[in-house]
Amino acid sequence: MEMNQNNVAVIGVGYANPSRNPAQSLGLDAVEAAKNAIADAGLEITDIDGLCCTTLQPYGNAGTIDGVNLVSPAWLGQALGTNDLKFSHTDHVFVGSSFITAVNAVAAGVADYCLVWRALTFPGAFVKGERYGQTSPTHAVGPSQFQYPYGY
């Protein structure tokens, strides 16, 4: 049996301080979490040559401002200063498929170290009686305008 020379391993985990009332933007939380994961892996930011994420938020009318409502590979790459990217991918399904894409990129030799993240936020402060994912928007913006039922 032949050994696969492109074995893949998860080597670092990082997160930002989860909060219902964050003190900083979603983008800055993602940068903090990414730096923590890179440090946990024993790597430097300059080692990262692949970025994979999902920008999908689990509620409607989430907004489309990069670094505020979502964090794309382009935004995080620029914020981290990763200048030698070989691979980036944005998935619009769930973070599991972003992870699989990153594994395949490393296994195929397209990237050596691929950072995968999931940045979540809640639009505005929590209202008493509401749970995460429950919103009552008065209008639809971005892709939501094509997904909401009539009447908005």
C-alpha atoms as a PDB file:
ATOM      1  CA  MET A   1       0.000   0.000   0.000  1.00  0.00           C
ATOM      2  CA  GLU A   2       1.263   3.474  -0.924  1.00  0.00           C
ATOM      3  CA  MET A   3       1.429   6.279   1.657  1.00  0.00           C
ATOM      4  CA  ASN A   4      -0.323   9.486   0.760  1.00  0.00           C
ATOM      5  CA  GLN A   5       2.336  12.196   0.930  1.00  0.00           C
ATOM      6  CA  ASN A   6      -0.255  14.937   1.310  1.00  0.00           C
ATOM      7  CA  ASN A   7      -1.670  14.016   4.705  1.00  0.00           C
ATOM      8  CA  VAL A   8      -3.684  16.753   6.390  1.00  0.00           C
ATOM      9  CA  ALA A   9      -3.984  17.631  10.081  1.00  0.00           C
ATOM     10  CA  VAL A  10      -5.815  20.251  12.124  1.00  0.00           C
ATOM     11  CA  ILE A  11      -3.100  21.949  14.146  1.00  0.00           C
ATOM     12  CA  GLY A  12      -4.538  25.089  15.728  1.00  0.00           C
ATOM     13  CA  VAL A  13      -7.725  26.419  17.284  1.00  0.00           C
ATOM     14  CA  GLY A  14      -8.508  30.005  18.200  1.00  0.00           C
ATOM     15  CA  TYR A  15     -11.477  32.086  19.208  1.00  0.00           C
ATOM     16  CA  ALA A  16     -12.369  35.593  20.330  1.00  0.00           C
ATOM     17  CA  ASN A  17     -14.253  36.428  23.493  1.00  0.00           C
ATOM     18  CA  PRO A  18     -17.900  35.502  22.801  1.00  0.00           C
ATOM     19  CA  SER A  19     -20.321  38.194  23.928  1.00  0.00           C
ATOM     20  CA  ARG A  20     -23.922  39.232  23.482  1.00  0.00           C
ATOM     21  CA  ASN A  21     -22.735  42.842  23.420  1.00  0.00           C
ATOM     22  CA  PRO A  22     -19.324  42.769  21.718  1.00  0.00           C
ATOM     23  CA  ALA A  23     -16.893  45.607  22.357  1.00  0.00           C
ATOM     24  CA  GLN A  24     -15.410  45.392  18.856  1.00  0.00           C
ATOM     25  CA  SER A  25     -16.548  44.643  15.311  1.00  0.00           C
ATOM     26  CA  LEU A  26     -17.053  41.150  13.910  1.00  0.00           C
ATOM     27  CA  GLY A  27     -14.001  41.683  11.713  1.00  0.00           C
ATOM     28  CA  LEU A  28     -11.771  42.483  14.684  1.00  0.00           C
ATOM     29  CA  ASP A  29     -13.136  39.428  16.507  1.00  0.00           C
ATOM     30  CA  ALA A  30     -12.206  37.316  13.453  1.00  0.00           C
ATOM     31  CA  VAL A  31      -8.692  38.793  13.374  1.00  0.00           C
ATOM     32  CA  GLU A  32      -8.253  38.042  17.092  1.00  0.00           C
ATOM     33  CA  ALA A  33      -9.505  34.467  16.667  1.00  0.00           C
ATOM     34  CA  ALA A  34      -7.327  33.913  13.589  1.00  0.00           C
ATOM     35  CA  LYS A  35      -4.197  35.168  15.360  1.00  0.00           C
ATOM     36  CA  ASN A  36      -5.009  32.907  18.339  1.00  0.00           C
ATOM     37  CA  ALA A  37      -5.415  29.881  16.043  1.00  0.00           C
ATOM     38  CA  ILE A  38      -2.193  30.636  14.179  1.00  0.00           C
ATOM     39  CA  ALA A  39      -0.283  31.005  17.458  1.00  0.00           C
ATOM     40  CA  ASP A  40      -1.862  27.808  18.820  1.00  0.00           C
ATOM     41  CA  ALA A  41      -0.614  25.977  15.724  1.00  0.00           C
ATOM     42  CA  GLY A  42       2.914  27.292  16.303  1.00  0.00           C
ATOM     43  CA  LEU A  43       2.848  29.167  12.999  1.00  0.00           C
ATOM     44  CA  GLU A  44       3.397  32.746  11.883  1.00  0.00           C
ATOM     45  CA  ILE A  45       0.880  34.761   9.876  1.00  0.00           C
ATOM     46  CA  THR A  46       3.303  34.604   6.939  1.00  0.00           C
ATOM     47  CA  ASP A  47       2.946  30.777   6.921  1.00  0.00           C
ATOM     48  CA  ILE A  48      -0.764  30.999   6.039  1.00  0.00           C
ATOM     49  CA  ASP A  49      -1.258  30.596   2.295  1.00  0.00           C
ATOM     50  CA  GLY A  50      -4.921  29.533   2.180  1.00  0.00           C
ATOM     51  CA  LEU A  51      -8.150  31.027   3.547  1.00  0.00           C
ATOM     52  CA  CYS A  52     -11.576  29.342   3.688  1.00  0.00           C
ATOM     53  CA  CYS A  53     -14.794  30.481   5.341  1.00  0.00           C
ATOM     54  CA  THR A  54     -18.529  30.735   5.127  1.00  0.00           C
ATOM     55  CA  THR A  55     -20.136  34.158   5.306  1.00  0.00           C
ATOM     56  CA  LEU A  56     -23.674  32.845   5.765  1.00  0.00           C
ATOM     57  CA  GLN A  57     -25.395  34.174   8.900  1.00  0.00           C
ATOM     58  CA  PRO A  58     -28.146  32.051  10.503  1.00  0.00           C
ATOM     59  CA  TYR A  59     -30.839  34.717  10.295  1.00  0.00           C
ATOM     60  CA  GLY A  60     -32.412  36.829   7.625  1.00  0.00           C
ATOM     61  CA  ASN A  61     -31.469  40.393   6.763  1.00  0.00           C
ATOM     62  CA  ALA A  62     -27.973  39.978   8.205  1.00  0.00           C
ATOM     63  CA  GLY A  63     -26.376  42.754   6.191  1.00  0.00           C
ATOM     64  CA  THR A  64     -23.567  42.630   3.675  1.00  0.00           C
ATOM     65  CA  ILE A  65     -20.839  44.921   5.024  1.00  0.00           C
ATOM     66  CA  ASP A  66     -17.529  43.065   4.989  1.00  0.00           C
ATOM     67  CA  GLY A  67     -15.806  43.252   8.380  1.00  0.00           C
ATOM     68  CA  VAL A  68     -19.061  44.287  10.086  1.00  0.00           C
ATOM     69  CA  ASN A  69     -21.794  41.752   9.180  1.00  0.00           C
ATOM     70  CA  LEU A  70     -19.553  39.121   7.608  1.00  0.00           C
ATOM     71  CA  VAL A  71     -15.844  38.401   7.211  1.00  0.00           C
ATOM     72  CA  SER A  72     -14.653  37.312   3.756  1.00  0.00           C
ATOM     73  CA  PRO A  73     -11.240  35.874   2.851  1.00  0.00           C
ATOM     74  CA  ALA A  74     -10.365  39.151   1.104  1.00  0.00           C
ATOM     75  CA  TRP A  75     -11.147  41.185   4.239  1.00  0.00           C
ATOM     76  CA  LEU A  76      -9.406  38.864   6.711  1.00  0.00           C
ATOM     77  CA  GLY A  77      -6.408  38.366   4.427  1.00  0.00           C
ATOM     78  CA  GLN A  78      -5.905  42.109   4.168  1.00  0.00           C
ATOM     79  CA  ALA A  79      -6.434  42.614   7.926  1.00  0.00           C
ATOM     80  CA  LEU A  80      -3.874  39.906   8.738  1.00  0.00           C
ATOM     81  CA  GLY A  81      -1.423  41.016   6.056  1.00  0.00           C
ATOM     82  CA  THR A  82      -1.296  37.659   4.281  1.00  0.00           C
ATOM     83  CA  ASN A  83       0.318  38.661   1.005  1.00  0.00           C
ATOM     84  CA  ASP A  84       1.316  35.266  -0.391  1.00  0.00           C
ATOM     85  CA  LEU A  85      -2.042  33.518  -0.660  1.00  0.00           C
ATOM     86  CA  LYS A  86      -2.202  30.539  -2.981  1.00  0.00           C
ATOM     87  CA  PHE A  87      -5.851  29.689  -2.282  1.00  0.00           C
ATOM     88  CA  SER A  88      -9.032  31.265  -0.934  1.00  0.00           C
ATOM     89  CA  HIS A  89     -12.626  30.113  -0.907  1.00  0.00           C
ATOM     90  CA  THR A  90     -15.938  31.445   0.383  1.00  0.00           C
ATOM     91  CA  ASP A  91     -18.668  28.903   0.945  1.00  0.00           C
ATOM     92  CA  HIS A  92     -22.297  29.933   1.194  1.00  0.00           C
ATOM     93  CA  VAL A  93     -23.559  26.817   2.939  1.00  0.00           C
ATOM     94  CA  PHE A  94     -21.949  25.987   6.283  1.00  0.00           C
ATOM     95  CA  VAL A  95     -18.506  25.933   7.828  1.00  0.00           C
ATOM     96  CA  GLY A  96     -18.199  22.145   7.431  1.00  0.00           C
ATOM     97  CA  SER A  97     -17.999  22.462   3.672  1.00  0.00           C
ATOM     98  CA  SER A  98     -15.415  25.266   4.065  1.00  0.00           C
ATOM     99  CA  PHE A  99     -13.369  22.915   6.232  1.00  0.00           C
ATOM    100  CA  ILE A 100     -13.620  20.116   3.645  1.00  0.00           C
ATOM    101  CA  THR A 101     -12.535  22.544   0.908  1.00  0.00           C
ATOM    102  CA  ALA A 102      -9.501  23.565   3.000  1.00  0.00           C
ATOM    103  CA  VAL A 103      -8.586  19.904   3.631  1.00  0.00           C
ATOM    104  CA  ASN A 104      -8.793  19.190  -0.097  1.00  0.00           C
ATOM    105  CA  ALA A 105      -6.665  22.252  -0.926  1.00  0.00           C
ATOM    106  CA  VAL A 106      -3.918  21.130   1.465  1.00  0.00           C
ATOM    107  CA  ALA A 107      -4.153  17.470   0.375  1.00  0.00           C
ATOM    108  CA  ALA A 108      -3.859  18.499  -3.271  1.00  0.00           C
ATOM    109  CA  GLY A 109      -0.812  20.629  -2.525  1.00  0.00           C
ATOM    110  CA  VAL A 110      -2.539  23.871  -3.500  1.00  0.00           C
ATOM    111  CA  ALA A 111      -1.875  25.357  -0.030  1.00  0.00           C
ATOM    112  CA  ASP A 112       0.398  24.384   2.842  1.00  0.00           C
ATOM    113  CA  TYR A 113      -1.505  26.018   5.725  1.00  0.00           C
ATOM    114  CA  CYS A 114      -5.145  26.924   5.266  1.00  0.00           C
ATOM    115  CA  LEU A 115      -6.984  28.993   7.876  1.00  0.00           C
ATOM    116  CA  VAL A 116     -10.686  28.165   8.270  1.00  0.00           C
ATOM    117  CA  TRP A 117     -13.043  30.394  10.259  1.00  0.00           C
ATOM    118  CA  ARG A 118     -16.673  31.089  11.057  1.00  0.00           C
ATOM    119  CA  ALA A 119     -17.582  34.597  12.198  1.00  0.00           C
ATOM    120  CA  LEU A 120     -21.046  35.002  13.723  1.00  0.00           C
ATOM    121  CA  THR A 121     -22.830  38.103  14.912  1.00  0.00           C
ATOM    122  CA  PHE A 122     -26.275  39.212  15.982  1.00  0.00           C
ATOM    123  CA  PRO A 123     -27.660  42.400  14.456  1.00  0.00           C
ATOM    124  CA  GLY A 124     -28.030  44.870  17.303  1.00  0.00           C
ATOM    125  CA  ALA A 125     -28.466  44.224  20.989  1.00  0.00           C
ATOM    126  CA  PHE A 126     -30.597  41.402  22.306  1.00  0.00           C
ATOM    127  CA  VAL A 127     -34.173  42.317  23.061  1.00  0.00           C
ATOM    128  CA  LYS A 128     -35.816  40.734  26.091  1.00  0.00           C
ATOM    129  CA  GLY A 129     -37.675  37.642  24.971  1.00  0.00           C
ATOM    130  CA  GLU A 130     -35.708  37.173  21.746  1.00  0.00           C
ATOM    131  CA  ARG A 131     -33.321  34.328  21.091  1.00  0.00           C
ATOM    132  CA  TYR A 132     -30.345  34.155  18.782  1.00  0.00           C
ATOM    133  CA  GLY A 133     -31.506  34.042  15.202  1.00  0.00           C
ATOM    134  CA  GLN A 134     -34.855  35.713  15.846  1.00  0.00           C
ATOM    135  CA  THR A 135     -35.134  39.105  14.191  1.00  0.00           C
ATOM    136  CA  SER A 136     -38.011  41.327  13.202  1.00  0.00           C
ATOM    137  CA  PRO A 137     -36.670  43.316  10.270  1.00  0.00           C
ATOM    138  CA  THR A 138     -38.717  46.131   8.799  1.00  0.00           C
ATOM    139  CA  HIS A 139     -37.097  45.771   5.359  1.00  0.00           C
ATOM    140  CA  ALA A 140     -34.871  43.390   3.441  1.00  0.00           C
ATOM    141  CA  VAL A 141     -31.355  44.228   2.240  1.00  0.00           C
ATOM    142  CA  GLY A 142     -28.744  42.361   0.211  1.00  0.00           C
ATOM    143  CA  PRO A 143     -29.595  38.776  -0.746  1.00  0.00           C
ATOM    144  CA  SER A 144     -32.440  38.744   1.803  1.00  0.00           C
ATOM    145  CA  GLN A 145     -34.542  40.890  -0.519  1.00  0.00           C
ATOM    146  CA  PHE A 146     -34.861  37.865  -2.790  1.00  0.00           C
ATOM    147  CA  GLN A 147     -35.428  35.315  -0.018  1.00  0.00           C
ATOM    148  CA  TYR A 148     -37.992  36.937   2.287  1.00  0.00           C
ATOM    149  CA  PRO A 149     -41.687  36.331   1.756  1.00  0.00           C
ATOM    150  CA  TYR A 150     -43.782  39.079   0.202  1.00  0.00           C
ATOM    151  CA  GLY A 151     -44.840  41.878   2.499  1.00  0.00           C
ATOM    152  CA  TYR A 152     -41.450  43.238   3.555  1.00  0.00           C
END
